[in-house]
Amino acid sequence: MSSILLLTSSPRSDSISTKIATDLADKIKAQNPGKTIVHRNLAGAPLAHIDERFTAAIRTPADARTTEQKETIKVSDELVDELLAADTIVIGTGLINFGIYSSLKSWIDNVARAGRTFTYTETGPKGLVTGKKAYIVLASGGVYSEGPAAPLNHAVPYLKSVLAFIGITDVETVYVEGLAFGPEAAEKALDAAQARAAELALAA
C-alpha cells in the first residue's frame, strides 16, 4: 500500500505550517483512499543529532557492522525505509533565521545516506529516491516567496536541493506568508494557502 510521509517540524502548538501540511496530507489521502499517512512529528519526538559513532557506522559496509553500529543507525534505517516506502512526501516548516528548523535538518542528516538514498557514480552523485512527489509548506511572518526579502529565503532552495540530490525533483511549494502583518493579512495568507493546498490535492 502506498503512503504519504508527513513531516512536521514546528515546536509551536498553534503552528500554521503544521496545520496546512496536515490538511494537505489529509486532502491528498481523501483523493486517494488507498493511501495511508505516516506522520513524523519531528518537534514532538526530535531525532538525535548525528555524531562520530553514527558517521562511522554508516561508512562501514552493512555486512561488516557490529551489533553496536547496527543499533546506532537503527532509527536512521527506519527513517530511510519510511521515505522509500512513500510515494508522496509533505514537509511542513516555519522559516526560522532564514532557514528550516533544526529538527527537520536532523531528519535530512539521517536519511541522506550513501548507498541507500543516493550513490556516487563516474559522472557524479545520483539520487535513488525516485518516482515520488514532494510538497513543501513554508510559513513565515514576512513575505519571502518574492520581493526584496526573497534572497533571504534559504529554506525552500535548500529543501529542493536536498530532495533533488536524493532523486526527488517533482516538488510543489505552499507559502503561508505575511503572518506578522496583522490579523487581516494573516487570515488572507491562511485562506490562500488552504486554497493552494486544495488545488494541489485535486491534482495529486
Foldseek 3Di string as FASTA:
>chain_A
DAEEEEEEEDLDPPDLLNVLLVLLRVLLCVVPVVYYYDYDDCNVPFDDADDPLQVVLLVDPPVPHDPVSCVVLVVLVVLLVNLLRHQEYEYGAEQDQLAGDVSVVRSLVSNPGDPRQWHADPVGIDADNENHEYEYEYEYLADQPDDPNVVSNPHVVVVCVSCVRNYHNHYYYQYQYNCNVDDVSNVVSSVRSNVVSNVVSVVD
